[in-house]
Amino acid sequence: MILYTHFKYSALIFSVLAMLLTASCSNSVNDNDDEILIKNLPQIDPFMYKPDSVNYAVWLDRKQSDGRFIREPINIIIVDSRAKDSLDAIARLLTAFTLADFPPRFGHTGGYFGKMDGKLNHQQPSVSQHAFSDYMWAFTNNHARIFGPYKVENAYYWIGSSSRERGISHDYVSFDRARNDLANMLVSKANAVVISQISLNNKLDDSEFSTGDHDGKATMIKLN
């Protein structure tokens, strides 16, 4: 009886150790995959472009109460290594944002661009006067414009600018809160994973331009 009990507990301990080892190996593989995705990041232009594709976008195209323009920074990076092609990458992006309660919504300016490796990328959602948003435009909401997809090796990259605005007036509220809220919703509702914070050095605070509360970093998120 003692020998049997000893064997039973030894087997249990062995099983637990095996599971831990398997989990550790799995995490290691995922970590290595993520490191490759980060290493393959294209060169990212740190600001959103106006629909003219030449000039950087500034909030409401006018100076704020402090006499400065708010330039709109890139603060989101999304990578998808499971998309079969660019059309599938677009479909998967739309699905993920809809699951995250950030579907395309009417009431936002569109037609902007983002630039990776010196190449312009069109906005998603592509429908006129739409952006990804977590609430109606007439109320305070977080919204995002995402640009891509841009393929590097076997993955598709997107960049985006996410911001929080105050209702009908569209007054600026925050870049960082919008970025963090969007990342949290993609993780909690769309099975995405945050894999890094990427410094884009795009925090501005001078006599002419500001980026509000933006900290100069983009959250990098992997779609699963």
C-alpha atoms as a PDB file:
ATOM      1  CA  MET A   1       0.000   0.000   0.000  1.00  0.00           C
ATOM      2  CA  ILE A   2       2.832   2.422   0.871  1.00  0.00           C
ATOM      3  CA  LEU A   3       4.645   1.553  -2.356  1.00  0.00           C
ATOM      4  CA  TYR A   4       1.467   2.153  -4.408  1.00  0.00           C
ATOM      5  CA  THR A   5       0.867   5.527  -2.741  1.00  0.00           C
ATOM      6  CA  HIS A   6       4.468   6.547  -3.348  1.00  0.00           C
ATOM      7  CA  PHE A   7       4.176   5.557  -7.013  1.00  0.00           C
ATOM      8  CA  LYS A   8       0.883   7.454  -7.394  1.00  0.00           C
ATOM      9  CA  TYR A   9       2.318  10.681  -6.017  1.00  0.00           C
ATOM     10  CA  SER A  10       5.514  10.272  -8.040  1.00  0.00           C
ATOM     11  CA  ALA A  11       3.429   9.911 -11.192  1.00  0.00           C
ATOM     12  CA  LEU A  12       1.412  12.988 -10.257  1.00  0.00           C
ATOM     13  CA  ILE A  13       4.550  15.059  -9.679  1.00  0.00           C
ATOM     14  CA  PHE A  14       5.985  13.846 -12.994  1.00  0.00           C
ATOM     15  CA  SER A  15       2.777  14.856 -14.813  1.00  0.00           C
ATOM     16  CA  VAL A  16       2.800  18.328 -13.298  1.00  0.00           C
ATOM     17  CA  LEU A  17       6.460  18.820 -14.202  1.00  0.00           C
ATOM     18  CA  ALA A  18       5.746  17.649 -17.749  1.00  0.00           C
ATOM     19  CA  MET A  19       2.903  20.146 -18.106  1.00  0.00           C
ATOM     20  CA  LEU A  20       5.071  22.967 -16.789  1.00  0.00           C
ATOM     21  CA  LEU A  21       7.867  22.037 -19.172  1.00  0.00           C
ATOM     22  CA  THR A  22       5.448  21.916 -22.102  1.00  0.00           C
ATOM     23  CA  ALA A  23       4.001  25.298 -21.183  1.00  0.00           C
ATOM     24  CA  SER A  24       7.478  26.742 -20.826  1.00  0.00           C
ATOM     25  CA  CYS A  25       8.497  25.461 -24.252  1.00  0.00           C
ATOM     26  CA  SER A  26       5.297  26.790 -25.796  1.00  0.00           C
ATOM     27  CA  ASN A  27       5.836  30.229 -24.295  1.00  0.00           C
ATOM     28  CA  SER A  28       9.414  30.187 -25.475  1.00  0.00           C
ATOM     29  CA  VAL A  29       8.321  29.489 -29.050  1.00  0.00           C
ATOM     30  CA  ASN A  30       5.729  32.282 -28.871  1.00  0.00           C
ATOM     31  CA  ASP A  31       8.304  34.647 -27.414  1.00  0.00           C
ATOM     32  CA  ASN A  32      10.690  33.825 -30.254  1.00  0.00           C
ATOM     33  CA  ASP A  33       7.934  34.408 -32.816  1.00  0.00           C
ATOM     34  CA  ASP A  34       7.107  37.752 -31.225  1.00  0.00           C
ATOM     35  CA  GLU A  35      10.757  38.763 -31.244  1.00  0.00           C
ATOM     36  CA  ILE A  36      10.875  38.112 -34.996  1.00  0.00           C
ATOM     37  CA  LEU A  37       7.734  40.178 -35.548  1.00  0.00           C
ATOM     38  CA  ILE A  38       9.276  43.036 -33.576  1.00  0.00           C
ATOM     39  CA  LYS A  39      12.609  42.686 -35.384  1.00  0.00           C
ATOM     40  CA  ASN A  40      10.844  42.841 -38.773  1.00  0.00           C
ATOM     41  CA  LEU A  41       8.997  46.051 -37.973  1.00  0.00           C
ATOM     42  CA  PRO A  42       9.093  48.357 -40.985  1.00  0.00           C
ATOM     43  CA  GLN A  43      10.309  51.917 -40.628  1.00  0.00           C
ATOM     44  CA  ILE A  44       7.289  53.783 -39.285  1.00  0.00           C
ATOM     45  CA  ASP A  45       6.613  57.425 -40.022  1.00  0.00           C
ATOM     46  CA  PRO A  46       5.522  58.614 -36.566  1.00  0.00           C
ATOM     47  CA  PHE A  47       2.546  60.789 -37.578  1.00  0.00           C
ATOM     48  CA  MET A  48      -0.693  60.443 -39.508  1.00  0.00           C
ATOM     49  CA  TYR A  49      -0.916  62.158 -42.921  1.00  0.00           C
ATOM     50  CA  LYS A  50      -3.736  64.343 -44.186  1.00  0.00           C
ATOM     51  CA  PRO A  51      -5.833  63.141 -47.146  1.00  0.00           C
ATOM     52  CA  ASP A  52      -3.499  65.214 -49.366  1.00  0.00           C
ATOM     53  CA  SER A  53      -0.870  62.537 -48.492  1.00  0.00           C
ATOM     54  CA  VAL A  54       1.770  65.279 -48.150  1.00  0.00           C
ATOM     55  CA  ASN A  55       1.212  67.106 -44.870  1.00  0.00           C
ATOM     56  CA  TYR A  56       0.880  65.734 -41.357  1.00  0.00           C
ATOM     57  CA  ALA A  57      -2.618  65.724 -39.884  1.00  0.00           C
ATOM     58  CA  VAL A  58      -3.409  68.180 -37.103  1.00  0.00           C
ATOM     59  CA  TRP A  59      -6.459  68.106 -34.856  1.00  0.00           C
ATOM     60  CA  LEU A  60      -9.420  69.884 -36.500  1.00  0.00           C
ATOM     61  CA  ASP A  61      -6.955  71.601 -38.879  1.00  0.00           C
ATOM     62  CA  ARG A  62      -6.740  74.572 -36.566  1.00  0.00           C
ATOM     63  CA  LYS A  63      -4.845  75.926 -33.576  1.00  0.00           C
ATOM     64  CA  GLN A  64      -6.037  74.998 -30.122  1.00  0.00           C
ATOM     65  CA  SER A  65      -6.757  77.382 -27.251  1.00  0.00           C
ATOM     66  CA  ASP A  66      -3.044  77.511 -26.362  1.00  0.00           C
ATOM     67  CA  GLY A  67      -2.184  78.748 -29.847  1.00  0.00           C
ATOM     68  CA  ARG A  68      -0.593  75.469 -30.953  1.00  0.00           C
ATOM     69  CA  PHE A  69      -1.549  72.732 -33.377  1.00  0.00           C
ATOM     70  CA  ILE A  70      -2.100  69.180 -32.089  1.00  0.00           C
ATOM     71  CA  ARG A  71      -0.316  66.823 -34.451  1.00  0.00           C
ATOM     72  CA  GLU A  72      -1.805  63.319 -34.544  1.00  0.00           C
ATOM     73  CA  PRO A  73       0.753  60.636 -33.612  1.00  0.00           C
ATOM     74  CA  ILE A  74       0.919  56.992 -34.549  1.00  0.00           C
ATOM     75  CA  ASN A  75       0.276  55.149 -31.274  1.00  0.00           C
ATOM     76  CA  ILE A  76      -0.936  51.715 -32.391  1.00  0.00           C
ATOM     77  CA  ILE A  77       0.897  48.945 -34.271  1.00  0.00           C
ATOM     78  CA  ILE A  78      -0.963  45.776 -35.236  1.00  0.00           C
ATOM     79  CA  VAL A  79       0.672  42.695 -36.713  1.00  0.00           C
ATOM     80  CA  ASP A  80      -1.069  39.687 -38.246  1.00  0.00           C
ATOM     81  CA  SER A  81       0.966  36.620 -39.193  1.00  0.00           C
ATOM     82  CA  ARG A  82      -2.084  34.448 -39.873  1.00  0.00           C
ATOM     83  CA  ALA A  83      -3.675  36.374 -42.729  1.00  0.00           C
ATOM     84  CA  LYS A  84      -3.523  34.551 -46.062  1.00  0.00           C
ATOM     85  CA  ASP A  85      -3.280  37.693 -48.182  1.00  0.00           C
ATOM     86  CA  SER A  86      -3.996  41.418 -47.990  1.00  0.00           C
ATOM     87  CA  LEU A  87      -7.752  40.982 -48.417  1.00  0.00           C
ATOM     88  CA  ASP A  88      -7.800  38.447 -45.611  1.00  0.00           C
ATOM     89  CA  ALA A  89      -5.724  40.828 -43.474  1.00  0.00           C
ATOM     90  CA  ILE A  90      -8.349  43.555 -43.981  1.00  0.00           C
ATOM     91  CA  ALA A  91     -11.181  41.143 -43.149  1.00  0.00           C
ATOM     92  CA  ARG A  92      -9.414  39.931 -40.019  1.00  0.00           C
ATOM     93  CA  LEU A  93      -8.737  43.504 -38.882  1.00  0.00           C
ATOM     94  CA  LEU A  94     -12.413  44.440 -39.309  1.00  0.00           C
ATOM     95  CA  THR A  95     -13.478  41.321 -37.428  1.00  0.00           C
ATOM     96  CA  ALA A  96     -11.087  41.962 -34.545  1.00  0.00           C
ATOM     97  CA  PHE A  97     -12.153  45.583 -34.129  1.00  0.00           C
ATOM     98  CA  THR A  98     -15.832  44.673 -34.295  1.00  0.00           C
ATOM     99  CA  LEU A  99     -15.368  41.990 -31.640  1.00  0.00           C
ATOM    100  CA  ALA A 100     -13.548  44.577 -29.519  1.00  0.00           C
ATOM    101  CA  ASP A 101     -16.602  46.888 -29.686  1.00  0.00           C
ATOM    102  CA  PHE A 102     -14.727  49.283 -31.989  1.00  0.00           C
ATOM    103  CA  PRO A 103     -16.685  48.745 -35.226  1.00  0.00           C
ATOM    104  CA  PRO A 104     -16.588  51.231 -38.113  1.00  0.00           C
ATOM    105  CA  ARG A 105     -18.904  54.127 -37.203  1.00  0.00           C
ATOM    106  CA  PHE A 106     -20.140  57.175 -39.063  1.00  0.00           C
ATOM    107  CA  GLY A 107     -19.289  60.717 -37.987  1.00  0.00           C
ATOM    108  CA  HIS A 108     -15.504  60.908 -38.378  1.00  0.00           C
ATOM    109  CA  THR A 109     -13.283  62.397 -41.051  1.00  0.00           C
ATOM    110  CA  GLY A 110     -11.490  59.860 -43.219  1.00  0.00           C
ATOM    111  CA  GLY A 111      -9.170  59.380 -46.137  1.00  0.00           C
ATOM    112  CA  TYR A 112      -5.973  59.743 -44.098  1.00  0.00           C
ATOM    113  CA  PHE A 113      -2.695  57.900 -44.663  1.00  0.00           C
ATOM    114  CA  GLY A 114       0.072  56.257 -42.700  1.00  0.00           C
ATOM    115  CA  LYS A 115       3.559  55.604 -44.009  1.00  0.00           C
ATOM    116  CA  MET A 116       5.768  52.527 -43.580  1.00  0.00           C
ATOM    117  CA  ASP A 117       9.162  52.119 -45.252  1.00  0.00           C
ATOM    118  CA  GLY A 118       8.457  55.364 -47.097  1.00  0.00           C
ATOM    119  CA  LYS A 119       5.280  53.971 -48.687  1.00  0.00           C
ATOM    120  CA  LEU A 120       1.819  55.423 -48.122  1.00  0.00           C
ATOM    121  CA  ASN A 121      -0.874  53.119 -46.766  1.00  0.00           C
ATOM    122  CA  HIS A 122      -4.602  53.783 -47.051  1.00  0.00           C
ATOM    123  CA  GLN A 123      -6.953  54.062 -44.100  1.00  0.00           C
ATOM    124  CA  GLN A 124      -9.210  51.396 -42.694  1.00  0.00           C
ATOM    125  CA  PRO A 125     -12.120  51.653 -42.400  1.00  0.00           C
ATOM    126  CA  SER A 126     -12.166  52.811 -46.005  1.00  0.00           C
ATOM    127  CA  VAL A 127     -15.807  53.950 -46.010  1.00  0.00           C
ATOM    128  CA  SER A 128     -16.163  57.731 -46.222  1.00  0.00           C
ATOM    129  CA  GLN A 129     -16.690  59.583 -42.911  1.00  0.00           C
ATOM    130  CA  HIS A 130     -16.014  56.446 -40.842  1.00  0.00           C
ATOM    131  CA  ALA A 131     -13.464  55.448 -38.213  1.00  0.00           C
ATOM    132  CA  PHE A 132     -13.231  52.592 -35.768  1.00  0.00           C
ATOM    133  CA  SER A 133     -15.001  53.852 -32.662  1.00  0.00           C
ATOM    134  CA  ASP A 134     -16.369  52.591 -29.357  1.00  0.00           C
ATOM    135  CA  TYR A 135     -19.375  54.958 -29.299  1.00  0.00           C
ATOM    136  CA  MET A 136     -21.489  57.317 -31.378  1.00  0.00           C
ATOM    137  CA  TRP A 137     -19.709  60.417 -32.701  1.00  0.00           C
ATOM    138  CA  ALA A 138     -22.130  62.807 -30.958  1.00  0.00           C
ATOM    139  CA  PHE A 139     -20.894  61.596 -27.564  1.00  0.00           C
ATOM    140  CA  THR A 140     -17.437  61.316 -26.024  1.00  0.00           C
ATOM    141  CA  ASN A 141     -15.715  58.387 -27.721  1.00  0.00           C
ATOM    142  CA  ASN A 142     -12.425  56.699 -28.522  1.00  0.00           C
ATOM    143  CA  HIS A 143     -11.791  56.327 -32.230  1.00  0.00           C
ATOM    144  CA  ALA A 144      -8.977  55.016 -34.404  1.00  0.00           C
ATOM    145  CA  ARG A 145      -7.804  55.180 -37.982  1.00  0.00           C
ATOM    146  CA  ILE A 146      -5.642  52.225 -39.046  1.00  0.00           C
ATOM    147  CA  PHE A 147      -3.316  52.148 -42.068  1.00  0.00           C
ATOM    148  CA  GLY A 148      -2.118  49.183 -44.088  1.00  0.00           C
ATOM    149  CA  PRO A 149      -1.723  46.312 -44.550  1.00  0.00           C
ATOM    150  CA  TYR A 150       1.991  46.301 -45.278  1.00  0.00           C
ATOM    151  CA  LYS A 151       3.627  42.913 -45.734  1.00  0.00           C
ATOM    152  CA  VAL A 152       7.037  42.060 -44.335  1.00  0.00           C
ATOM    153  CA  GLU A 153       8.051  38.427 -44.903  1.00  0.00           C
ATOM    154  CA  ASN A 154       5.061  36.368 -43.679  1.00  0.00           C
ATOM    155  CA  ALA A 155       3.275  39.008 -41.621  1.00  0.00           C
ATOM    156  CA  TYR A 156       1.040  41.975 -42.319  1.00  0.00           C
ATOM    157  CA  TYR A 157       1.634  45.189 -40.390  1.00  0.00           C
ATOM    158  CA  TRP A 158      -0.796  47.986 -39.617  1.00  0.00           C
ATOM    159  CA  ILE A 159      -0.171  51.316 -37.914  1.00  0.00           C
ATOM    160  CA  GLY A 160      -2.774  53.644 -36.481  1.00  0.00           C
ATOM    161  CA  SER A 161      -3.660  56.771 -34.595  1.00  0.00           C
ATOM    162  CA  SER A 162      -6.181  56.395 -31.783  1.00  0.00           C
ATOM    163  CA  SER A 163      -7.635  59.353 -29.916  1.00  0.00           C
ATOM    164  CA  ARG A 164     -10.395  60.326 -27.509  1.00  0.00           C
ATOM    165  CA  GLU A 165     -12.692  63.235 -28.342  1.00  0.00           C
ATOM    166  CA  ARG A 166     -15.506  65.101 -26.620  1.00  0.00           C
ATOM    167  CA  GLY A 167     -18.837  64.686 -28.379  1.00  0.00           C
ATOM    168  CA  ILE A 168     -20.280  66.953 -31.036  1.00  0.00           C
ATOM    169  CA  SER A 169     -17.493  69.527 -30.698  1.00  0.00           C
ATOM    170  CA  HIS A 170     -14.840  66.861 -31.465  1.00  0.00           C
ATOM    171  CA  ASP A 171     -12.578  68.540 -28.910  1.00  0.00           C
ATOM    172  CA  TYR A 172      -9.355  66.675 -28.128  1.00  0.00           C
ATOM    173  CA  VAL A 173      -9.281  64.726 -24.846  1.00  0.00           C
ATOM    174  CA  SER A 174      -6.478  62.140 -24.953  1.00  0.00           C
ATOM    175  CA  PHE A 175      -4.232  60.007 -27.133  1.00  0.00           C
ATOM    176  CA  ASP A 176      -2.869  57.703 -24.426  1.00  0.00           C
ATOM    177  CA  ARG A 177      -6.240  56.769 -22.945  1.00  0.00           C
ATOM    178  CA  ALA A 178      -7.639  55.957 -26.371  1.00  0.00           C
ATOM    179  CA  ARG A 179      -4.600  53.808 -27.210  1.00  0.00           C
ATOM    180  CA  ASN A 180      -4.797  51.929 -23.908  1.00  0.00           C
ATOM    181  CA  ASP A 181      -8.579  51.429 -24.063  1.00  0.00           C
ATOM    182  CA  LEU A 182      -8.348  50.063 -27.597  1.00  0.00           C
ATOM    183  CA  ALA A 183      -5.511  47.682 -26.684  1.00  0.00           C
ATOM    184  CA  ASN A 184      -7.400  46.420 -23.637  1.00  0.00           C
ATOM    185  CA  MET A 185     -10.552  45.758 -25.651  1.00  0.00           C
ATOM    186  CA  LEU A 186      -8.678  43.924 -28.407  1.00  0.00           C
ATOM    187  CA  VAL A 187      -7.036  41.713 -25.787  1.00  0.00           C
ATOM    188  CA  SER A 188     -10.135  41.046 -23.696  1.00  0.00           C
ATOM    189  CA  LYS A 189     -12.679  40.587 -26.499  1.00  0.00           C
ATOM    190  CA  ALA A 190     -10.802  39.749 -29.704  1.00  0.00           C
ATOM    191  CA  ASN A 191      -8.139  37.336 -28.395  1.00  0.00           C
ATOM    192  CA  ALA A 192      -5.306  39.688 -29.365  1.00  0.00           C
ATOM    193  CA  VAL A 193      -2.028  39.942 -27.460  1.00  0.00           C
ATOM    194  CA  VAL A 194       0.065  42.985 -26.565  1.00  0.00           C
ATOM    195  CA  ILE A 195       3.664  42.040 -27.382  1.00  0.00           C
ATOM    196  CA  SER A 196       5.595  45.275 -26.910  1.00  0.00           C
ATOM    197  CA  GLN A 197       5.682  49.020 -26.410  1.00  0.00           C
ATOM    198  CA  ILE A 198       7.571  50.578 -29.314  1.00  0.00           C
ATOM    199  CA  SER A 199       9.181  53.986 -28.901  1.00  0.00           C
ATOM    200  CA  LEU A 200       8.503  56.160 -31.946  1.00  0.00           C
ATOM    201  CA  ASN A 201       9.903  59.323 -30.344  1.00  0.00           C
ATOM    202  CA  ASN A 202       6.836  61.217 -31.546  1.00  0.00           C
ATOM    203  CA  LYS A 203       6.024  63.273 -28.482  1.00  0.00           C
ATOM    204  CA  LEU A 204       5.915  66.972 -29.368  1.00  0.00           C
ATOM    205  CA  ASP A 205       5.829  69.928 -27.002  1.00  0.00           C
ATOM    206  CA  ASP A 206       7.162  73.117 -28.550  1.00  0.00           C
ATOM    207  CA  SER A 207       5.896  76.590 -29.392  1.00  0.00           C
ATOM    208  CA  GLU A 208       4.039  75.436 -32.522  1.00  0.00           C
ATOM    209  CA  PHE A 209       3.060  71.792 -32.049  1.00  0.00           C
ATOM    210  CA  SER A 210       1.890  69.482 -29.279  1.00  0.00           C
ATOM    211  CA  THR A 211       0.869  65.845 -29.071  1.00  0.00           C
ATOM    212  CA  GLY A 212      -1.152  66.357 -25.901  1.00  0.00           C
ATOM    213  CA  ASP A 213      -0.697  63.577 -23.370  1.00  0.00           C
ATOM    214  CA  HIS A 214       0.971  61.202 -25.841  1.00  0.00           C
ATOM    215  CA  ASP A 215       4.064  59.542 -24.353  1.00  0.00           C
ATOM    216  CA  GLY A 216       5.887  58.893 -27.627  1.00  0.00           C
ATOM    217  CA  LYS A 217       5.160  55.149 -27.712  1.00  0.00           C
ATOM    218  CA  ALA A 218       3.007  52.829 -29.799  1.00  0.00           C
ATOM    219  CA  THR A 219       1.420  49.702 -28.364  1.00  0.00           C
ATOM    220  CA  MET A 220       2.199  46.702 -30.565  1.00  0.00           C
ATOM    221  CA  ILE A 221      -0.623  44.172 -30.732  1.00  0.00           C
ATOM    222  CA  LYS A 222      -0.679  40.748 -32.379  1.00  0.00           C
ATOM    223  CA  LEU A 223      -3.895  39.369 -33.842  1.00  0.00           C
ATOM    224  CA  ASN A 224      -4.516  35.647 -33.302  1.00  0.00           C
END
